[in-house]
């Protein structure tokens, strides 16, 4: 009988399989390392990209904060200017009223009454004057009360200024009539 020795062939096949296994293992390790490094690089890239976005947003936010601060300053300046403008307009609007008040003080003055002094404090006029009779002072007070430019007068004192004259002190509030009544 012939003897066939299969051992070298089997050993060669086992060595080839072991060599293929080690090659496949090495290739798998290299591919796994590349995948791990690729994923790490991808995450680092995405992290850097997000950090760049965050830095951009911070820069834009700081620009907007500066603009908001400028807008606030402008609004405050606008409010101050509007207050000034309103004050000027109010002063301009009340300028003719002073003239109108003096004109009205002359119009309501009875014949036997004379003003000695007129003092205005805020919206109140203090009047010191002379009258021939107390009835004339009463007439002045009625005329002031009926005027649309003045409120109810308040008599604070009446006294003798001489043989034929009485002195008086009164205060009267100044009112601003509506446009329809002033005409």
C-alpha atoms as a PDB file:
ATOM      1  CA  UNK A   1       0.000   0.000   0.000  1.00  0.00           C
ATOM      2  CA  UNK A   2       1.086   3.427  -0.730  1.00  0.00           C
ATOM      3  CA  UNK A   3       1.425   5.849   2.006  1.00  0.00           C
ATOM      4  CA  UNK A   4       0.401   9.411   1.473  1.00  0.00           C
ATOM      5  CA  UNK A   5       1.759  11.969   3.803  1.00  0.00           C
ATOM      6  CA  UNK A   6      -0.769  14.873   4.080  1.00  0.00           C
ATOM      7  CA  UNK A   7       1.040  16.541   6.891  1.00  0.00           C
ATOM      8  CA  UNK A   8       3.098  19.122   5.055  1.00  0.00           C
ATOM      9  CA  UNK A   9       0.084  20.161   3.057  1.00  0.00           C
ATOM     10  CA  UNK A  10      -1.995  20.480   6.214  1.00  0.00           C
ATOM     11  CA  UNK A  11       0.754  22.393   7.969  1.00  0.00           C
ATOM     12  CA  UNK A  12       1.124  24.714   5.004  1.00  0.00           C
ATOM     13  CA  UNK A  13      -2.656  25.233   4.959  1.00  0.00           C
ATOM     14  CA  UNK A  14      -2.663  25.903   8.726  1.00  0.00           C
ATOM     15  CA  UNK A  15       0.199  28.368   8.363  1.00  0.00           C
ATOM     16  CA  UNK A  16      -1.554  30.076   5.455  1.00  0.00           C
ATOM     17  CA  UNK A  17      -4.785  30.279   7.452  1.00  0.00           C
ATOM     18  CA  UNK A  18      -2.915  31.626  10.473  1.00  0.00           C
ATOM     19  CA  UNK A  19      -1.124  34.154   8.256  1.00  0.00           C
ATOM     20  CA  UNK A  20      -4.494  35.191   6.688  1.00  0.00           C
ATOM     21  CA  UNK A  21      -6.018  35.416  10.159  1.00  0.00           C
ATOM     22  CA  UNK A  22      -3.204  37.651  11.390  1.00  0.00           C
ATOM     23  CA  UNK A  23      -3.462  39.765   8.228  1.00  0.00           C
ATOM     24  CA  UNK A  24      -7.225  40.075   8.635  1.00  0.00           C
ATOM     25  CA  UNK A  25      -6.752  40.863  12.328  1.00  0.00           C
ATOM     26  CA  UNK A  26      -4.161  43.531  11.513  1.00  0.00           C
ATOM     27  CA  UNK A  27      -6.345  45.019   8.738  1.00  0.00           C
ATOM     28  CA  UNK A  28      -9.360  44.988  11.093  1.00  0.00           C
ATOM     29  CA  UNK A  29      -7.299  46.707  13.803  1.00  0.00           C
ATOM     30  CA  UNK A  30      -6.098  49.340  11.325  1.00  0.00           C
ATOM     31  CA  UNK A  31      -9.657  49.881  10.009  1.00  0.00           C
ATOM     32  CA  UNK A  32     -10.984  50.097  13.601  1.00  0.00           C
ATOM     33  CA  UNK A  33      -8.235  52.583  14.492  1.00  0.00           C
ATOM     34  CA  UNK A  34      -9.064  54.623  11.366  1.00  0.00           C
ATOM     35  CA  UNK A  35     -12.769  54.553  12.251  1.00  0.00           C
ATOM     36  CA  UNK A  36     -12.028  55.625  15.850  1.00  0.00           C
ATOM     37  CA  UNK A  37      -9.704  58.407  14.654  1.00  0.00           C
ATOM     38  CA  UNK A  38     -12.241  59.402  11.954  1.00  0.00           C
ATOM     39  CA  UNK A  39     -15.064  59.598  14.476  1.00  0.00           C
ATOM     40  CA  UNK A  40     -12.811  61.523  16.870  1.00  0.00           C
ATOM     41  CA  UNK A  41     -11.810  63.880  14.065  1.00  0.00           C
ATOM     42  CA  UNK A  42     -15.479  64.315  13.080  1.00  0.00           C
ATOM     43  CA  UNK A  43     -16.472  65.119  16.669  1.00  0.00           C
ATOM     44  CA  UNK A  44     -13.529  67.521  17.051  1.00  0.00           C
ATOM     45  CA  UNK A  45     -14.503  69.154  13.761  1.00  0.00           C
ATOM     46  CA  UNK A  46     -18.140  69.459  14.855  1.00  0.00           C
ATOM     47  CA  UNK A  47     -17.052  70.760  18.281  1.00  0.00           C
ATOM     48  CA  UNK A  48     -14.794  73.365  16.664  1.00  0.00           C
ATOM     49  CA  UNK A  49     -17.575  74.333  14.264  1.00  0.00           C
ATOM     50  CA  UNK A  50     -20.005  74.784  17.162  1.00  0.00           C
ATOM     51  CA  UNK A  51     -17.422  76.810  19.080  1.00  0.00           C
ATOM     52  CA  UNK A  52     -16.994  79.028  16.018  1.00  0.00           C
ATOM     53  CA  UNK A  53     -20.783  79.458  15.842  1.00  0.00           C
ATOM     54  CA  UNK A  54     -20.917  80.275  19.560  1.00  0.00           C
ATOM     55  CA  UNK A  55     -18.110  82.823  19.182  1.00  0.00           C
ATOM     56  CA  UNK A  56     -19.923  84.389  16.225  1.00  0.00           C
ATOM     57  CA  UNK A  57     -23.147  84.553  18.232  1.00  0.00           C
ATOM     58  CA  UNK A  58     -21.305  86.098  21.205  1.00  0.00           C
ATOM     59  CA  UNK A  59     -19.758  88.720  18.918  1.00  0.00           C
ATOM     60  CA  UNK A  60     -23.122  89.519  17.329  1.00  0.00           C
ATOM     61  CA  UNK A  61     -24.780  89.595  20.753  1.00  0.00           C
ATOM     62  CA  UNK A  62     -22.174  92.058  22.039  1.00  0.00           C
ATOM     63  CA  UNK A  63     -22.756  94.223  18.938  1.00  0.00           C
ATOM     64  CA  UNK A  64     -26.502  94.108  19.574  1.00  0.00           C
ATOM     65  CA  UNK A  65     -25.966  94.922  23.261  1.00  0.00           C
ATOM     66  CA  UNK A  66     -23.968  97.983  22.224  1.00  0.00           C
ATOM     67  CA  UNK A  67     -26.712  98.978  19.796  1.00  0.00           C
ATOM     68  CA  UNK A  68     -29.345  98.472  22.508  1.00  0.00           C
ATOM     69  CA  UNK A  69     -27.328 100.663  24.873  1.00  0.00           C
ATOM     70  CA  UNK A  70     -27.079 103.325  22.156  1.00  0.00           C
ATOM     71  CA  UNK A  71     -30.831 103.050  21.536  1.00  0.00           C
ATOM     72  CA  UNK A  72     -31.500 103.460  25.264  1.00  0.00           C
ATOM     73  CA  UNK A  73     -29.272 106.535  25.340  1.00  0.00           C
ATOM     74  CA  UNK A  74     -31.057 107.922  22.300  1.00  0.00           C
ATOM     75  CA  UNK A  75     -34.447 107.232  23.875  1.00  0.00           C
ATOM     76  CA  UNK A  76     -33.380 108.982  27.083  1.00  0.00           C
ATOM     77  CA  UNK A  77     -32.035 111.905  25.055  1.00  0.00           C
ATOM     78  CA  UNK A  78     -35.266 111.963  23.033  1.00  0.00           C
ATOM     79  CA  UNK A  79     -37.336 111.966  26.240  1.00  0.00           C
ATOM     80  CA  UNK A  80     -35.259 114.856  27.622  1.00  0.00           C
ATOM     81  CA  UNK A  81     -35.643 116.767  24.363  1.00  0.00           C
ATOM     82  CA  UNK A  82     -39.383 116.101  24.311  1.00  0.00           C
ATOM     83  CA  UNK A  83     -39.637 117.353  27.895  1.00  0.00           C
ATOM     84  CA  UNK A  84     -37.757 120.487  26.905  1.00  0.00           C
ATOM     85  CA  UNK A  85     -39.909 120.894  23.819  1.00  0.00           C
ATOM     86  CA  UNK A  86     -43.083 120.464  25.864  1.00  0.00           C
ATOM     87  CA  UNK A  87     -41.839 122.997  28.408  1.00  0.00           C
ATOM     88  CA  UNK A  88     -41.028 125.474  25.642  1.00  0.00           C
ATOM     89  CA  UNK A  89     -44.375 124.889  23.967  1.00  0.00           C
ATOM     90  CA  UNK A  90     -46.147 125.325  27.284  1.00  0.00           C
ATOM     91  CA  UNK A  91     -44.290 128.579  27.883  1.00  0.00           C
ATOM     92  CA  UNK A  92     -45.053 129.736  24.358  1.00  0.00           C
ATOM     93  CA  UNK A  93     -48.690 128.752  24.834  1.00  0.00           C
ATOM     94  CA  UNK A  94     -49.035 130.619  28.136  1.00  0.00           C
ATOM     95  CA  UNK A  95     -47.321 133.811  26.935  1.00  0.00           C
ATOM     96  CA  UNK A  96     -50.507 135.192  25.392  1.00  0.00           C
ATOM     97  CA  UNK A  97     -52.405 134.151  28.511  1.00  0.00           C
ATOM     98  CA  UNK A  98     -50.472 136.618  30.650  1.00  0.00           C
ATOM     99  CA  UNK A  99     -51.434 139.421  28.317  1.00  0.00           C
ATOM    100  CA  UNK A 100     -55.002 138.140  28.245  1.00  0.00           C
ATOM    101  CA  UNK A 101     -55.054 137.993  32.073  1.00  0.00           C
ATOM    102  CA  UNK A 102     -53.916 141.626  32.347  1.00  0.00           C
ATOM    103  CA  UNK A 103     -56.484 142.620  29.764  1.00  0.00           C
ATOM    104  CA  UNK A 104     -59.165 140.767  31.713  1.00  0.00           C
ATOM    105  CA  UNK A 105     -58.043 142.388  34.995  1.00  0.00           C
ATOM    106  CA  UNK A 106     -58.628 145.783  33.393  1.00  0.00           C
ATOM    107  CA  UNK A 107     -61.985 144.715  31.938  1.00  0.00           C
ATOM    108  CA  UNK A 108     -63.402 143.496  35.290  1.00  0.00           C
ATOM    109  CA  UNK A 109     -62.206 146.575  37.199  1.00  0.00           C
ATOM    110  CA  UNK A 110     -65.092 148.786  38.416  1.00  0.00           C
ATOM    111  CA  UNK A 111     -64.747 152.583  38.048  1.00  0.00           C
ATOM    112  CA  UNK A 112     -64.121 153.344  41.729  1.00  0.00           C
ATOM    113  CA  UNK A 113     -61.399 150.678  42.258  1.00  0.00           C
ATOM    114  CA  UNK A 114     -57.651 151.085  41.697  1.00  0.00           C
ATOM    115  CA  UNK A 115     -54.945 148.415  41.727  1.00  0.00           C
ATOM    116  CA  UNK A 116     -51.856 149.187  43.777  1.00  0.00           C
ATOM    117  CA  UNK A 117     -49.995 145.951  43.094  1.00  0.00           C
ATOM    118  CA  UNK A 118     -50.480 142.683  41.236  1.00  0.00           C
ATOM    119  CA  UNK A 119     -48.323 139.688  42.088  1.00  0.00           C
ATOM    120  CA  UNK A 120     -48.518 136.321  40.349  1.00  0.00           C
ATOM    121  CA  UNK A 121     -47.264 133.180  42.088  1.00  0.00           C
ATOM    122  CA  UNK A 122     -47.888 130.066  40.055  1.00  0.00           C
ATOM    123  CA  UNK A 123     -51.569 130.031  39.120  1.00  0.00           C
ATOM    124  CA  UNK A 124     -52.661 132.625  41.692  1.00  0.00           C
ATOM    125  CA  UNK A 125     -52.735 136.413  41.395  1.00  0.00           C
ATOM    126  CA  UNK A 126     -52.503 138.490  44.576  1.00  0.00           C
ATOM    127  CA  UNK A 127     -54.178 141.892  44.215  1.00  0.00           C
ATOM    128  CA  UNK A 128     -53.712 144.864  46.509  1.00  0.00           C
ATOM    129  CA  UNK A 129     -55.806 147.923  45.765  1.00  0.00           C
ATOM    130  CA  UNK A 130     -57.908 150.886  46.821  1.00  0.00           C
ATOM    131  CA  UNK A 131     -61.681 151.274  46.564  1.00  0.00           C
ATOM    132  CA  UNK A 132     -64.004 154.154  47.451  1.00  0.00           C
ATOM    133  CA  UNK A 133     -66.572 151.798  49.003  1.00  0.00           C
ATOM    134  CA  UNK A 134     -66.704 148.157  50.107  1.00  0.00           C
ATOM    135  CA  UNK A 135     -69.481 147.672  47.557  1.00  0.00           C
ATOM    136  CA  UNK A 136     -66.937 148.381  44.826  1.00  0.00           C
ATOM    137  CA  UNK A 137     -64.685 145.589  46.179  1.00  0.00           C
ATOM    138  CA  UNK A 138     -67.682 143.234  46.100  1.00  0.00           C
ATOM    139  CA  UNK A 139     -68.376 144.264  42.525  1.00  0.00           C
ATOM    140  CA  UNK A 140     -64.748 143.511  41.590  1.00  0.00           C
ATOM    141  CA  UNK A 141     -64.993 140.081  43.221  1.00  0.00           C
ATOM    142  CA  UNK A 142     -68.238 139.294  41.347  1.00  0.00           C
ATOM    143  CA  UNK A 143     -66.682 140.401  38.046  1.00  0.00           C
ATOM    144  CA  UNK A 144     -63.594 138.234  38.684  1.00  0.00           C
ATOM    145  CA  UNK A 145     -65.783 135.252  39.567  1.00  0.00           C
ATOM    146  CA  UNK A 146     -67.850 135.648  36.385  1.00  0.00           C
ATOM    147  CA  UNK A 147     -64.754 135.865  34.194  1.00  0.00           C
ATOM    148  CA  UNK A 148     -63.738 132.690  32.360  1.00  0.00           C
ATOM    149  CA  UNK A 149     -60.078 133.573  32.963  1.00  0.00           C
ATOM    150  CA  UNK A 150     -60.243 133.600  36.763  1.00  0.00           C
ATOM    151  CA  UNK A 151     -61.594 131.357  39.491  1.00  0.00           C
ATOM    152  CA  UNK A 152     -63.353 132.301  42.720  1.00  0.00           C
ATOM    153  CA  UNK A 153     -61.585 135.250  44.438  1.00  0.00           C
ATOM    154  CA  UNK A 154     -60.621 135.118  48.103  1.00  0.00           C
ATOM    155  CA  UNK A 155     -60.702 138.382  50.044  1.00  0.00           C
ATOM    156  CA  UNK A 156     -58.050 138.370  52.743  1.00  0.00           C
ATOM    157  CA  UNK A 157     -58.391 141.863  54.171  1.00  0.00           C
ATOM    158  CA  UNK A 158     -60.166 145.219  53.968  1.00  0.00           C
ATOM    159  CA  UNK A 159     -59.071 148.334  55.830  1.00  0.00           C
ATOM    160  CA  UNK A 160     -59.140 152.122  55.793  1.00  0.00           C
ATOM    161  CA  UNK A 161     -56.439 153.714  53.659  1.00  0.00           C
ATOM    162  CA  UNK A 162     -57.582 157.272  54.161  1.00  0.00           C
ATOM    163  CA  UNK A 163     -60.653 159.440  54.701  1.00  0.00           C
ATOM    164  CA  UNK A 164     -62.419 158.399  51.532  1.00  0.00           C
ATOM    165  CA  UNK A 165     -60.626 155.167  50.479  1.00  0.00           C
ATOM    166  CA  UNK A 166     -60.575 151.570  51.633  1.00  0.00           C
ATOM    167  CA  UNK A 167     -57.628 149.257  50.961  1.00  0.00           C
ATOM    168  CA  UNK A 168     -58.166 145.591  50.166  1.00  0.00           C
ATOM    169  CA  UNK A 169     -56.124 142.417  49.592  1.00  0.00           C
ATOM    170  CA  UNK A 170     -57.450 139.481  47.629  1.00  0.00           C
ATOM    171  CA  UNK A 171     -56.180 136.468  45.775  1.00  0.00           C
ATOM    172  CA  UNK A 172     -57.731 134.909  42.688  1.00  0.00           C
ATOM    173  CA  UNK A 173     -56.737 131.701  40.864  1.00  0.00           C
ATOM    174  CA  UNK A 174     -55.954 131.964  37.163  1.00  0.00           C
ATOM    175  CA  UNK A 175     -57.750 129.424  34.986  1.00  0.00           C
ATOM    176  CA  UNK A 176     -57.233 128.498  31.379  1.00  0.00           C
ATOM    177  CA  UNK A 177     -60.592 128.345  29.637  1.00  0.00           C
ATOM    178  CA  UNK A 178     -61.382 125.876  26.890  1.00  0.00           C
ATOM    179  CA  UNK A 179     -60.834 127.066  23.343  1.00  0.00           C
ATOM    180  CA  UNK A 180     -64.573 127.433  22.657  1.00  0.00           C
ATOM    181  CA  UNK A 181     -65.169 129.607  25.763  1.00  0.00           C
ATOM    182  CA  UNK A 182     -62.123 131.820  25.143  1.00  0.00           C
ATOM    183  CA  UNK A 183     -63.449 133.073  21.786  1.00  0.00           C
END
